[in-house]
PDB file of N, CA and C in Angstrom:
ATOM      1  N   MET A   1      -5.800  12.784  -7.139  1.00  0.00           N
ATOM      2  CA  MET A   1      -5.360  11.407  -7.003  1.00  0.00           C
ATOM      3  C   MET A   1      -6.008  10.808  -5.748  1.00  0.00           C
ATOM      4  N   THR A   2      -6.424   9.559  -5.862  1.00  0.00           N
ATOM      5  CA  THR A   2      -7.106   8.913  -4.742  1.00  0.00           C
ATOM      6  C   THR A   2      -6.101   8.248  -3.792  1.00  0.00           C
ATOM      7  N   ASP A   3      -6.592   7.937  -2.610  1.00  0.00           N
ATOM      8  CA  ASP A   3      -5.746   7.225  -1.639  1.00  0.00           C
ATOM      9  C   ASP A   3      -5.302   5.880  -2.200  1.00  0.00           C
ATOM     10  N   ILE A   4      -6.186   5.214  -2.934  1.00  0.00           N
ATOM     11  CA  ILE A   4      -5.849   3.910  -3.518  1.00  0.00           C
ATOM     12  C   ILE A   4      -4.700   4.060  -4.507  1.00  0.00           C
ATOM     13  N   GLU A   5      -4.736   5.094  -5.329  1.00  0.00           N
ATOM     14  CA  GLU A   5      -3.654   5.332  -6.285  1.00  0.00           C
ATOM     15  C   GLU A   5      -2.349   5.633  -5.551  1.00  0.00           C
ATOM     16  N   ARG A   6      -2.436   6.382  -4.469  1.00  0.00           N
ATOM     17  CA  ARG A   6      -1.227   6.659  -3.681  1.00  0.00           C
ATOM     18  C   ARG A   6      -0.663   5.371  -3.084  1.00  0.00           C
ATOM     19  N   LEU A   7      -1.550   4.562  -2.519  1.00  0.00           N
ATOM     20  CA  LEU A   7      -1.100   3.291  -1.947  1.00  0.00           C
ATOM     21  C   LEU A   7      -0.495   2.398  -3.026  1.00  0.00           C
ATOM     22  N   HIS A   8      -1.109   2.401  -4.187  1.00  0.00           N
ATOM     23  CA  HIS A   8      -0.579   1.590  -5.285  1.00  0.00           C
ATOM     24  C   HIS A   8       0.832   2.033  -5.670  1.00  0.00           C
ATOM     25  N   SER A   9       1.097   3.314  -5.571  1.00  0.00           N
ATOM     26  CA  SER A   9       2.414   3.825  -5.964  1.00  0.00           C
ATOM     27  C   SER A   9       3.536   3.332  -5.047  1.00  0.00           C
ATOM     28  N   ILE A  10       3.199   2.874  -3.846  1.00  0.00           N
ATOM     29  CA  ILE A  10       4.257   2.396  -2.946  1.00  0.00           C
ATOM     30  C   ILE A  10       4.292   0.874  -2.849  1.00  0.00           C
ATOM     31  N   THR A  11       3.622   0.198  -3.780  1.00  0.00           N
ATOM     32  CA  THR A  11       3.598  -1.265  -3.717  1.00  0.00           C
ATOM     33  C   THR A  11       4.824  -1.922  -4.336  1.00  0.00           C
ATOM     34  N   THR A  12       5.658  -1.163  -5.025  1.00  0.00           N
ATOM     35  CA  THR A  12       6.897  -1.765  -5.530  1.00  0.00           C
ATOM     36  C   THR A  12       7.935  -1.718  -4.418  1.00  0.00           C
ATOM     37  N   PRO A  13       8.755  -2.742  -4.318  1.00  0.00           N
ATOM     38  CA  PRO A  13       9.755  -2.779  -3.241  1.00  0.00           C
ATOM     39  C   PRO A  13      10.679  -1.555  -3.228  1.00  0.00           C
ATOM     40  N   THR A  14      11.092  -1.086  -4.397  1.00  0.00           N
ATOM     41  CA  THR A  14      12.019   0.049  -4.445  1.00  0.00           C
ATOM     42  C   THR A  14      11.371   1.313  -3.904  1.00  0.00           C
ATOM     43  N   ARG A  15      10.149   1.611  -4.359  1.00  0.00           N
ATOM     44  CA  ARG A  15       9.485   2.823  -3.863  1.00  0.00           C
ATOM     45  C   ARG A  15       9.165   2.706  -2.387  1.00  0.00           C
ATOM     46  N   TYR A  16       8.820   1.522  -1.944  1.00  0.00           N
ATOM     47  CA  TYR A  16       8.569   1.308  -0.509  1.00  0.00           C
ATOM     48  C   TYR A  16       9.849   1.576   0.284  1.00  0.00           C
ATOM     49  N   GLN A  17      10.982   1.071  -0.193  1.00  0.00           N
ATOM     50  CA  GLN A  17      12.265   1.294   0.483  1.00  0.00           C
ATOM     51  C   GLN A  17      12.633   2.778   0.491  1.00  0.00           C
ATOM     52  N   ILE A  18      12.363   3.458  -0.619  1.00  0.00           N
ATOM     53  CA  ILE A  18      12.637   4.896  -0.686  1.00  0.00           C
ATOM     54  C   ILE A  18      11.828   5.626   0.387  1.00  0.00           C
ATOM     55  N   LEU A  19      10.540   5.296   0.477  1.00  0.00           N
ATOM     56  CA  LEU A  19       9.706   5.935   1.500  1.00  0.00           C
ATOM     57  C   LEU A  19      10.229   5.659   2.898  1.00  0.00           C
ATOM     58  N   LYS A  20      10.607   4.404   3.157  1.00  0.00           N
ATOM     59  CA  LYS A  20      11.141   4.074   4.485  1.00  0.00           C
ATOM     60  C   LYS A  20      12.371   4.915   4.801  1.00  0.00           C
ATOM     61  N   LEU A  21      13.266   5.046   3.844  1.00  0.00           N
ATOM     62  CA  LEU A  21      14.477   5.847   4.063  1.00  0.00           C
ATOM     63  C   LEU A  21      14.115   7.319   4.288  1.00  0.00           C
ATOM     64  N   LEU A  22      13.192   7.832   3.477  1.00  0.00           N
ATOM     65  CA  LEU A  22      12.832   9.242   3.596  1.00  0.00           C
ATOM     66  C   LEU A  22      12.052   9.542   4.868  1.00  0.00           C
ATOM     67  N   LEU A  23      11.444   8.538   5.456  1.00  0.00           N
ATOM     68  CA  LEU A  23      10.774   8.749   6.738  1.00  0.00           C
ATOM     69  C   LEU A  23      11.789   8.897   7.871  1.00  0.00           C
ATOM     70  N   GLU A  24      12.983   8.354   7.673  1.00  0.00           N
ATOM     71  CA  GLU A  24      14.049   8.461   8.676  1.00  0.00           C
ATOM     72  C   GLU A  24      14.818   9.763   8.560  1.00  0.00           C
ATOM     73  N   HIS A  25      14.987  10.240   7.294  1.00  0.00           N
ATOM     74  CA  HIS A  25      15.869  11.381   7.043  1.00  0.00           C
ATOM     75  C   HIS A  25      15.582  11.911   5.644  1.00  0.00           C
ATOM     76  N   HIS A  26      15.837  13.188   5.398  1.00  0.00           N
ATOM     77  CA  HIS A  26      15.715  13.679   4.024  1.00  0.00           C
ATOM     78  C   HIS A  26      16.998  13.305   3.276  1.00  0.00           C
ATOM     79  N   TYR A  27      16.835  12.877   2.042  1.00  0.00           N
ATOM     80  CA  TYR A  27      17.973  12.451   1.227  1.00  0.00           C
ATOM     81  C   TYR A  27      17.868  13.024  -0.170  1.00  0.00           C
ATOM     82  N   CYS A  28      19.032  13.107  -0.829  1.00  0.00           N
ATOM     83  CA  CYS A  28      19.075  13.452  -2.245  1.00  0.00           C
ATOM     84  C   CYS A  28      19.113  12.144  -3.046  1.00  0.00           C
ATOM     85  N   VAL A  29      18.978  12.248  -4.354  1.00  0.00           N
ATOM     86  CA  VAL A  29      18.976  11.064  -5.214  1.00  0.00           C
ATOM     87  C   VAL A  29      20.288  10.300  -5.093  1.00  0.00           C
ATOM     88  N   LYS A  30      21.397  11.015  -5.003  1.00  0.00           N
ATOM     89  CA  LYS A  30      22.710  10.363  -4.902  1.00  0.00           C
ATOM     90  C   LYS A  30      22.787   9.492  -3.640  1.00  0.00           C
ATOM     91  N   ALA A  31      22.340  10.024  -2.521  1.00  0.00           N
ATOM     92  CA  ALA A  31      22.372   9.266  -1.264  1.00  0.00           C
ATOM     93  C   ALA A  31      21.425   8.069  -1.330  1.00  0.00           C
ATOM     94  N   LEU A  32      20.234   8.281  -1.879  1.00  0.00           N
ATOM     95  CA  LEU A  32      19.284   7.171  -2.017  1.00  0.00           C
ATOM     96  C   LEU A  32      19.860   6.080  -2.920  1.00  0.00           C
ATOM     97  N   SER A  33      20.523   6.497  -3.965  1.00  0.00           N
ATOM     98  CA  SER A  33      21.141   5.547  -4.888  1.00  0.00           C
ATOM     99  C   SER A  33      22.171   4.672  -4.174  1.00  0.00           C
ATOM    100  N   LYS A  34      23.012   5.285  -3.374  1.00  0.00           N
ATOM    101  CA  LYS A  34      24.034   4.545  -2.611  1.00  0.00           C
ATOM    102  C   LYS A  34      23.384   3.602  -1.600  1.00  0.00           C
ATOM    103  N   LYS A  35      22.394   4.099  -0.883  1.00  0.00           N
ATOM    104  CA  LYS A  35      21.751   3.285   0.151  1.00  0.00           C
ATOM    105  C   LYS A  35      20.983   2.101  -0.429  1.00  0.00           C
ATOM    106  N   LEU A  36      20.383   2.298  -1.606  1.00  0.00           N
ATOM    107  CA  LEU A  36      19.586   1.243  -2.225  1.00  0.00           C
ATOM    108  C   LEU A  36      20.391   0.336  -3.149  1.00  0.00           C
ATOM    109  N   GLY A  37      21.569   0.782  -3.531  1.00  0.00           N
ATOM    110  CA  GLY A  37      22.401  -0.012  -4.436  1.00  0.00           C
ATOM    111  C   GLY A  37      21.866  -0.055  -5.858  1.00  0.00           C
ATOM    112  N   ILE A  38      21.210   1.034  -6.281  1.00  0.00           N
ATOM    113  CA  ILE A  38      20.727   1.129  -7.661  1.00  0.00           C
ATOM    114  C   ILE A  38      21.200   2.454  -8.253  1.00  0.00           C
ATOM    115  N   SER A  39      21.093   2.584  -9.552  1.00  0.00           N
ATOM    116  CA  SER A  39      21.617   3.773 -10.222  1.00  0.00           C
ATOM    117  C   SER A  39      20.803   5.020  -9.888  1.00  0.00           C
ATOM    118  N   GLU A  40      21.429   6.172 -10.043  1.00  0.00           N
ATOM    119  CA  GLU A  40      20.740   7.440  -9.806  1.00  0.00           C
ATOM    120  C   GLU A  40      19.560   7.629 -10.767  1.00  0.00           C
ATOM    121  N   PRO A  41      19.721   7.285 -12.069  1.00  0.00           N
ATOM    122  CA  PRO A  41      18.556   7.406 -12.954  1.00  0.00           C
ATOM    123  C   PRO A  41      17.378   6.518 -12.512  1.00  0.00           C
ATOM    124  N   ALA A  42      17.689   5.336 -11.985  1.00  0.00           N
ATOM    125  CA  ALA A  42      16.624   4.447 -11.502  1.00  0.00           C
ATOM    126  C   ALA A  42      15.908   5.076 -10.308  1.00  0.00           C
ATOM    127  N   VAL A  43      16.677   5.671  -9.409  1.00  0.00           N
ATOM    128  CA  VAL A  43      16.069   6.355  -8.255  1.00  0.00           C
ATOM    129  C   VAL A  43      15.228   7.532  -8.741  1.00  0.00           C
ATOM    130  N   SER A  44      15.745   8.288  -9.682  1.00  0.00           N
ATOM    131  CA  SER A  44      15.018   9.444 -10.220  1.00  0.00           C
ATOM    132  C   SER A  44      13.680   9.033 -10.824  1.00  0.00           C
ATOM    133  N   GLN A  45      13.657   7.916 -11.530  1.00  0.00           N
ATOM    134  CA  GLN A  45      12.402   7.433 -12.112  1.00  0.00           C
ATOM    135  C   GLN A  45      11.387   7.104 -11.023  1.00  0.00           C
ATOM    136  N   GLN A  46      11.854   6.451  -9.970  1.00  0.00           N
ATOM    137  CA  GLN A  46      10.958   6.103  -8.864  1.00  0.00           C
ATOM    138  C   GLN A  46      10.488   7.354  -8.129  1.00  0.00           C
ATOM    139  N   MET A  47      11.384   8.325  -7.993  1.00  0.00           N
ATOM    140  CA  MET A  47      11.029   9.577  -7.319  1.00  0.00           C
ATOM    141  C   MET A  47       9.965  10.338  -8.103  1.00  0.00           C
ATOM    142  N   GLN A  48      10.033  10.292  -9.432  1.00  0.00           N
ATOM    143  CA  GLN A  48       9.026  10.965 -10.260  1.00  0.00           C
ATOM    144  C   GLN A  48       7.639  10.428  -9.961  1.00  0.00           C
ATOM    145  N   ILE A  49       7.531   9.124  -9.798  1.00  0.00           N
ATOM    146  CA  ILE A  49       6.237   8.497  -9.493  1.00  0.00           C
ATOM    147  C   ILE A  49       5.750   8.939  -8.122  1.00  0.00           C
ATOM    148  N   LEU A  50       6.647   8.906  -7.141  1.00  0.00           N
ATOM    149  CA  LEU A  50       6.273   9.307  -5.774  1.00  0.00           C
ATOM    150  C   LEU A  50       5.912  10.796  -5.709  1.00  0.00           C
ATOM    151  N   LYS A  51       6.628  11.619  -6.484  1.00  0.00           N
ATOM    152  CA  LYS A  51       6.314  13.049  -6.516  1.00  0.00           C
ATOM    153  C   LYS A  51       4.990  13.307  -7.226  1.00  0.00           C
ATOM    154  N   SER A  52       4.730  12.569  -8.304  1.00  0.00           N
ATOM    155  CA  SER A  52       3.513  12.810  -9.076  1.00  0.00           C
ATOM    156  C   SER A  52       2.248  12.513  -8.271  1.00  0.00           C
ATOM    157  N   CYS A  53       2.351  11.606  -7.308  1.00  0.00           N
ATOM    158  CA  CYS A  53       1.172  11.318  -6.487  1.00  0.00           C
ATOM    159  C   CYS A  53       1.187  12.131  -5.188  1.00  0.00           C
ATOM    160  N   GLY A  54       2.182  12.983  -5.022  1.00  0.00           N
ATOM    161  CA  GLY A  54       2.208  13.894  -3.889  1.00  0.00           C
ATOM    162  C   GLY A  54       2.788  13.329  -2.607  1.00  0.00           C
ATOM    163  N   LEU A  55       3.255  12.077  -2.647  1.00  0.00           N
ATOM    164  CA  LEU A  55       3.795  11.474  -1.423  1.00  0.00           C
ATOM    165  C   LEU A  55       5.175  12.002  -1.051  1.00  0.00           C
ATOM    166  N   VAL A  56       5.885  12.541  -2.032  1.00  0.00           N
ATOM    167  CA  VAL A  56       7.240  13.043  -1.790  1.00  0.00           C
ATOM    168  C   VAL A  56       7.345  14.454  -2.346  1.00  0.00           C
ATOM    169  N   THR A  57       8.008  15.320  -1.587  1.00  0.00           N
ATOM    170  CA  THR A  57       8.274  16.680  -2.055  1.00  0.00           C
ATOM    171  C   THR A  57       9.767  16.933  -1.967  1.00  0.00           C
ATOM    172  N   GLY A  58      10.236  17.870  -2.783  1.00  0.00           N
ATOM    173  CA  GLY A  58      11.661  18.176  -2.814  1.00  0.00           C
ATOM    174  C   GLY A  58      11.956  19.615  -2.463  1.00  0.00           C
ATOM    175  N   GLN A  59      13.149  19.807  -1.917  1.00  0.00           N
ATOM    176  CA  GLN A  59      13.627  21.151  -1.600  1.00  0.00           C
ATOM    177  C   GLN A  59      15.103  21.209  -1.966  1.00  0.00           C
ATOM    178  N   ARG A  60      15.464  22.238  -2.703  1.00  0.00           N
ATOM    179  CA  ARG A  60      16.855  22.371  -3.141  1.00  0.00           C
ATOM    180  C   ARG A  60      17.733  22.839  -1.985  1.00  0.00           C
ATOM    181  N   LEU A  61      18.789  22.063  -1.728  1.00  0.00           N
ATOM    182  CA  LEU A  61      19.818  22.432  -0.762  1.00  0.00           C
ATOM    183  C   LEU A  61      21.135  22.421  -1.519  1.00  0.00           C
ATOM    184  N   ASP A  62      21.729  23.588  -1.672  1.00  0.00           N
ATOM    185  CA  ASP A  62      22.931  23.755  -2.510  1.00  0.00           C
ATOM    186  C   ASP A  62      22.630  23.261  -3.920  1.00  0.00           C
ATOM    187  N   TYR A  63      23.399  22.266  -4.394  1.00  0.00           N
ATOM    188  CA  TYR A  63      23.222  21.781  -5.761  1.00  0.00           C
ATOM    189  C   TYR A  63      22.289  20.580  -5.857  1.00  0.00           C
ATOM    190  N   GLN A  64      21.890  20.050  -4.746  1.00  0.00           N
ATOM    191  CA  GLN A  64      21.082  18.825  -4.747  1.00  0.00           C
ATOM    192  C   GLN A  64      19.653  19.100  -4.302  1.00  0.00           C
ATOM    193  N   MET A  65      18.746  18.305  -4.844  1.00  0.00           N
ATOM    194  CA  MET A  65      17.362  18.331  -4.406  1.00  0.00           C
ATOM    195  C   MET A  65      17.224  17.280  -3.309  1.00  0.00           C
ATOM    196  N   HIS A  66      16.747  17.699  -2.142  1.00  0.00           N
ATOM    197  CA  HIS A  66      16.539  16.775  -1.025  1.00  0.00           C
ATOM    198  C   HIS A  66      15.046  16.519  -0.887  1.00  0.00           C
ATOM    199  N   TYR A  67      14.704  15.267  -0.624  1.00  0.00           N
ATOM    200  CA  TYR A  67      13.306  14.849  -0.625  1.00  0.00           C
ATOM    201  C   TYR A  67      12.830  14.464   0.765  1.00  0.00           C
ATOM    202  N   THR A  68      11.558  14.755   1.002  1.00  0.00           N
ATOM    203  CA  THR A  68      10.905  14.373   2.250  1.00  0.00           C
ATOM    204  C   THR A  68       9.529  13.785   1.914  1.00  0.00           C
ATOM    205  N   VAL A  69       8.974  13.061   2.865  1.00  0.00           N
ATOM    206  CA  VAL A  69       7.663  12.447   2.690  1.00  0.00           C
ATOM    207  C   VAL A  69       6.584  13.428   3.123  1.00  0.00           C
ATOM    208  N   ASN A  70       5.528  13.516   2.337  1.00  0.00           N
ATOM    209  CA  ASN A  70       4.354  14.300   2.707  1.00  0.00           C
ATOM    210  C   ASN A  70       3.560  13.444   3.688  1.00  0.00           C
ATOM    211  N   LEU A  71       3.817  13.626   4.968  1.00  0.00           N
ATOM    212  CA  LEU A  71       3.210  12.787   5.998  1.00  0.00           C
ATOM    213  C   LEU A  71       1.688  12.882   6.019  1.00  0.00           C
ATOM    214  N   GLY A  72       1.156  14.035   5.703  1.00  0.00           N
ATOM    215  CA  GLY A  72      -0.295  14.206   5.695  1.00  0.00           C
ATOM    216  C   GLY A  72      -0.968  13.274   4.701  1.00  0.00           C
ATOM    217  N   LEU A  73      -0.444  13.234   3.471  1.00  0.00           N
ATOM    218  CA  LEU A  73      -1.032  12.360   2.456  1.00  0.00           C
ATOM    219  C   LEU A  73      -0.778  10.885   2.758  1.00  0.00           C
ATOM    220  N   LEU A  74       0.393  10.567   3.301  1.00  0.00           N
ATOM    221  CA  LEU A  74       0.686   9.179   3.651  1.00  0.00           C
ATOM    222  C   LEU A  74      -0.254   8.710   4.766  1.00  0.00           C
ATOM    223  N   ARG A  75      -0.458   9.561   5.761  1.00  0.00           N
ATOM    224  CA  ARG A  75      -1.380   9.212   6.853  1.00  0.00           C
ATOM    225  C   ARG A  75      -2.813   9.052   6.343  1.00  0.00           C
ATOM    226  N   LYS A  76      -3.214   9.928   5.435  1.00  0.00           N
ATOM    227  CA  LYS A  76      -4.566   9.866   4.877  1.00  0.00           C
ATOM    228  C   LYS A  76      -4.774   8.539   4.146  1.00  0.00           C
ATOM    229  N   ALA A  77      -3.786   8.117   3.369  1.00  0.00           N
ATOM    230  CA  ALA A  77      -3.884   6.835   2.661  1.00  0.00           C
ATOM    231  C   ALA A  77      -3.910   5.679   3.653  1.00  0.00           C
ATOM    232  N   ALA A  78      -3.106   5.779   4.704  1.00  0.00           N
ATOM    233  CA  ALA A  78      -3.070   4.721   5.720  1.00  0.00           C
ATOM    234  C   ALA A  78      -4.408   4.635   6.456  1.00  0.00           C
ATOM    235  N   VAL A  79      -5.038   5.771   6.694  1.00  0.00           N
ATOM    236  CA  VAL A  79      -6.340   5.786   7.370  1.00  0.00           C
ATOM    237  C   VAL A  79      -7.378   5.058   6.520  1.00  0.00           C
ATOM    238  N   SER A  80      -7.322   5.223   5.206  1.00  0.00           N
ATOM    239  CA  SER A  80      -8.309   4.547   4.357  1.00  0.00           C
ATOM    240  C   SER A  80      -8.153   3.033   4.435  1.00  0.00           C
ATOM    241  N   ILE A  81      -6.926   2.545   4.534  1.00  0.00           N
ATOM    242  CA  ILE A  81      -6.696   1.107   4.706  1.00  0.00           C
ATOM    243  C   ILE A  81      -7.166   0.681   6.089  1.00  0.00           C
ATOM    244  N   ASN A  82      -6.856   1.470   7.093  1.00  0.00           N
ATOM    245  CA  ASN A  82      -7.284   1.150   8.461  1.00  0.00           C
ATOM    246  C   ASN A  82      -8.809   1.097   8.562  1.00  0.00           C
ATOM    247  N   ASP A  83      -9.488   2.030   7.885  1.00  0.00           N
ATOM    248  CA  ASP A  83     -10.949   2.031   7.885  1.00  0.00           C
ATOM    249  C   ASP A  83     -11.490   0.763   7.237  1.00  0.00           C
ATOM    250  N   LEU A  84     -10.842   0.329   6.167  1.00  0.00           N
ATOM    251  CA  LEU A  84     -11.261  -0.890   5.484  1.00  0.00           C
ATOM    252  C   LEU A  84     -11.135  -2.101   6.401  1.00  0.00           C
ATOM    253  N   VAL A  85     -10.018  -2.213   7.090  1.00  0.00           N
ATOM    254  CA  VAL A  85      -9.783  -3.321   8.007  1.00  0.00           C
ATOM    255  C   VAL A  85     -10.729  -3.245   9.202  1.00  0.00           C
ATOM    256  N   SER A  86     -10.940  -2.055   9.724  1.00  0.00           N
ATOM    257  CA  SER A  86     -11.836  -1.882  10.864  1.00  0.00           C
ATOM    258  C   SER A  86     -13.260  -2.283  10.516  1.00  0.00           C
ATOM    259  N   ALA A  87     -13.682  -1.975   9.296  1.00  0.00           N
ATOM    260  CA  ALA A  87     -15.034  -2.343   8.870  1.00  0.00           C
ATOM    261  C   ALA A  87     -15.198  -3.858   8.876  1.00  0.00           C
ATOM    262  N   VAL A  88     -14.165  -4.579   8.506  1.00  0.00           N
ATOM    263  CA  VAL A  88     -14.217  -6.039   8.512  1.00  0.00           C
ATOM    264  C   VAL A  88     -14.190  -6.546   9.941  1.00  0.00           C
ATOM    265  N   ASP A  89     -13.397  -5.929  10.801  1.00  0.00           N
ATOM    266  CA  ASP A  89     -13.320  -6.344  12.199  1.00  0.00           C
ATOM    267  C   ASP A  89     -14.666  -6.208  12.902  1.00  0.00           C
ATOM    268  N   GLU A  90     -15.435  -5.178  12.521  1.00  0.00           N
ATOM    269  CA  GLU A  90     -16.708  -4.930  13.182  1.00  0.00           C
ATOM    270  C   GLU A  90     -17.764  -5.969  12.825  1.00  0.00           C
ATOM    271  N   LYS A  91     -17.644  -6.550  11.643  1.00  0.00           N
ATOM    272  CA  LYS A  91     -18.610  -7.569  11.229  1.00  0.00           C
ATOM    273  C   LYS A  91     -18.182  -8.911  11.804  1.00  0.00           C
ATOM    274  N   GLU A  92     -19.148  -9.662  12.244  1.00  0.00           N
ATOM    275  CA  GLU A  92     -18.831 -11.004  12.712  1.00  0.00           C
ATOM    276  C   GLU A  92     -18.856 -11.919  11.503  1.00  0.00           C
ATOM    277  N   LYS A  93     -17.769 -12.589  11.275  1.00  0.00           N
ATOM    278  CA  LYS A  93     -17.682 -13.503  10.139  1.00  0.00           C
ATOM    279  C   LYS A  93     -18.321 -14.828  10.503  1.00  0.00           C
ATOM    280  N   ASN A  94     -19.375 -15.187   9.771  1.00  0.00           N
ATOM    281  CA  ASN A  94     -20.035 -16.461   9.985  1.00  0.00           C
ATOM    282  C   ASN A  94     -20.000 -17.215   8.664  1.00  0.00           C
ATOM    283  N   LEU A  95     -19.132 -18.191   8.569  1.00  0.00           N
ATOM    284  CA  LEU A  95     -18.985 -18.929   7.329  1.00  0.00           C
ATOM    285  C   LEU A  95     -19.764 -20.237   7.336  1.00  0.00           C
ATOM    286  N   GLU A  96     -20.590 -20.446   8.332  1.00  0.00           N
ATOM    287  CA  GLU A  96     -21.360 -21.686   8.360  1.00  0.00           C
ATOM    288  C   GLU A  96     -22.484 -21.670   7.336  1.00  0.00           C
ATOM    289  N   ASN A  97     -23.104 -20.523   7.141  1.00  0.00           N
ATOM    290  CA  ASN A  97     -24.183 -20.404   6.163  1.00  0.00           C
ATOM    291  C   ASN A  97     -23.935 -19.196   5.281  1.00  0.00           C
ATOM    292  N   CYS A  98     -24.150 -19.407   3.992  1.00  0.00           N
ATOM    293  CA  CYS A  98     -23.983 -18.322   3.034  1.00  0.00           C
ATOM    294  C   CYS A  98     -25.265 -17.508   2.972  1.00  0.00           C
ATOM    295  N   ASP A  99     -25.122 -16.172   2.887  1.00  0.00           N
ATOM    296  CA  ASP A  99     -26.308 -15.335   2.745  1.00  0.00           C
ATOM    297  C   ASP A  99     -26.213 -14.431   1.517  1.00  0.00           C
ATOM    298  N   CYS A 100     -25.417 -14.840   0.526  1.00  0.00           N
ATOM    299  CA  CYS A 100     -25.313 -14.057  -0.710  1.00  0.00           C
ATOM    300  C   CYS A 100     -26.424 -14.467  -1.680  1.00  0.00           C
ATOM    301  N   GLU A 101     -26.426 -13.849  -2.858  1.00  0.00           N
ATOM    302  CA  GLU A 101     -27.485 -14.142  -3.823  1.00  0.00           C
ATOM    303  C   GLU A 101     -27.435 -15.579  -4.346  1.00  0.00           C
ATOM    304  N   PHE A 102     -26.362 -16.293  -4.100  1.00  0.00           N
ATOM    305  CA  PHE A 102     -26.229 -17.687  -4.526  1.00  0.00           C
ATOM    306  C   PHE A 102     -26.301 -18.638  -3.335  1.00  0.00           C
ATOM    307  N   SER A 103     -26.954 -18.207  -2.283  1.00  0.00           N
ATOM    308  CA  SER A 103     -26.967 -18.977  -1.039  1.00  0.00           C
ATOM    309  C   SER A 103     -27.539 -20.385  -1.205  1.00  0.00           C
ATOM    310  N   ALA A 104     -28.528 -20.538  -2.067  1.00  0.00           N
ATOM    311  CA  ALA A 104     -29.114 -21.874  -2.254  1.00  0.00           C
ATOM    312  C   ALA A 104     -28.060 -22.851  -2.759  1.00  0.00           C
ATOM    313  N   VAL A 105     -27.253 -22.405  -3.691  1.00  0.00           N
ATOM    314  CA  VAL A 105     -26.194 -23.256  -4.249  1.00  0.00           C
ATOM    315  C   VAL A 105     -25.101 -23.483  -3.212  1.00  0.00           C
ATOM    316  N   CYS A 106     -24.680 -22.417  -2.554  1.00  0.00           N
ATOM    317  CA  CYS A 106     -23.603 -22.530  -1.558  1.00  0.00           C
ATOM    318  C   CYS A 106     -24.007 -23.440  -0.406  1.00  0.00           C
ATOM    319  N   ASN A 107     -25.189 -23.201   0.134  1.00  0.00           N
ATOM    320  CA  ASN A 107     -25.638 -23.990   1.284  1.00  0.00           C
ATOM    321  C   ASN A 107     -25.851 -25.448   0.909  1.00  0.00           C
ATOM    322  N   ARG A 108     -26.335 -25.692  -0.320  1.00  0.00           N
ATOM    323  CA  ARG A 108     -26.519 -27.065  -0.774  1.00  0.00           C
ATOM    324  C   ARG A 108     -25.164 -27.757  -0.868  1.00  0.00           C
ATOM    325  N   ARG A 109     -24.173 -27.034  -1.382  1.00  0.00           N
ATOM    326  CA  ARG A 109     -22.817 -27.579  -1.480  1.00  0.00           C
ATOM    327  C   ARG A 109     -22.285 -27.926  -0.102  1.00  0.00           C
ATOM    328  N   GLY A 110     -22.531 -27.015   0.849  1.00  0.00           N
ATOM    329  CA  GLY A 110     -22.062 -27.244   2.213  1.00  0.00           C
ATOM    330  C   GLY A 110     -22.673 -28.500   2.814  1.00  0.00           C
ATOM    331  N   LYS A 111     -23.973 -28.679   2.575  1.00  0.00           N
ATOM    332  CA  LYS A 111     -24.644 -29.881   3.100  1.00  0.00           C
ATOM    333  C   LYS A 111     -24.114 -31.135   2.433  1.00  0.00           C
ATOM    334  N   ALA A 112     -23.847 -31.055   1.122  1.00  0.00           N
ATOM    335  CA  ALA A 112     -23.304 -32.208   0.410  1.00  0.00           C
ATOM    336  C   ALA A 112     -21.934 -32.575   0.961  1.00  0.00           C
ATOM    337  N   ASN A 113     -21.116 -31.539   1.250  1.00  0.00           N
ATOM    338  CA  ASN A 113     -19.783 -31.803   1.809  1.00  0.00           C
ATOM    339  C   ASN A 113     -19.886 -32.392   3.203  1.00  0.00           C
ATOM    340  N   ASN A 114     -20.849 -31.929   4.002  1.00  0.00           N
ATOM    341  CA  ASN A 114     -21.031 -32.475   5.346  1.00  0.00           C
ATOM    342  C   ASN A 114     -21.487 -33.928   5.267  1.00  0.00           C
ATOM    343  N   HIS A 115     -22.301 -34.247   4.281  1.00  0.00           N
ATOM    344  CA  HIS A 115     -22.766 -35.605   4.073  1.00  0.00           C
ATOM    345  C   HIS A 115     -21.597 -36.535   3.745  1.00  0.00           C
ATOM    346  N   GLU A 116     -20.712 -36.025   2.878  1.00  0.00           N
ATOM    347  CA  GLU A 116     -19.558 -36.823   2.471  1.00  0.00           C
ATOM    348  C   GLU A 116     -18.638 -37.081   3.651  1.00  0.00           C
ATOM    349  N   ASP A 117     -18.511 -36.059   4.551  1.00  0.00           N
ATOM    350  CA  ASP A 117     -17.636 -36.218   5.699  1.00  0.00           C
ATOM    351  C   ASP A 117     -18.113 -37.319   6.640  1.00  0.00           C
ATOM    352  N   ARG A 118     -19.420 -37.523   6.682  1.00  0.00           N
ATOM    353  CA  ARG A 118     -19.971 -38.534   7.586  1.00  0.00           C
ATOM    354  C   ARG A 118     -19.790 -39.948   7.063  1.00  0.00           C
ATOM    355  N   ASP A 119     -19.698 -40.090   5.744  1.00  0.00           N
ATOM    356  CA  ASP A 119     -19.584 -41.436   5.156  1.00  0.00           C
ATOM    357  C   ASP A 119     -18.267 -42.092   5.410  1.00  0.00           C
TER     358      ASP A 119
END
């Protein structure tokens, strides 16, 4: 599974909230259900997705399965986003002139708009 797929798995509010809670403390489905105000089956469905991408692991304590976040995989996914943002930060954004394959059209449009602004 790729970092992008892992990041995608936490884009729903419920799974994001589950991760936030599990980063604070290990919880079972029953506790997560109470804290989130949703049914245990709903939490279980969300946990299956988080487990399938490796972001969450479980350990049986007595009769309940308690879940924790796989910090290594979460950090790895976060690093890929950070690298993406850093790459943009390193480039100087110059929007005055277009340098893409359609630059003739873009730059002509820009000049036309500048002409209109002067009128």
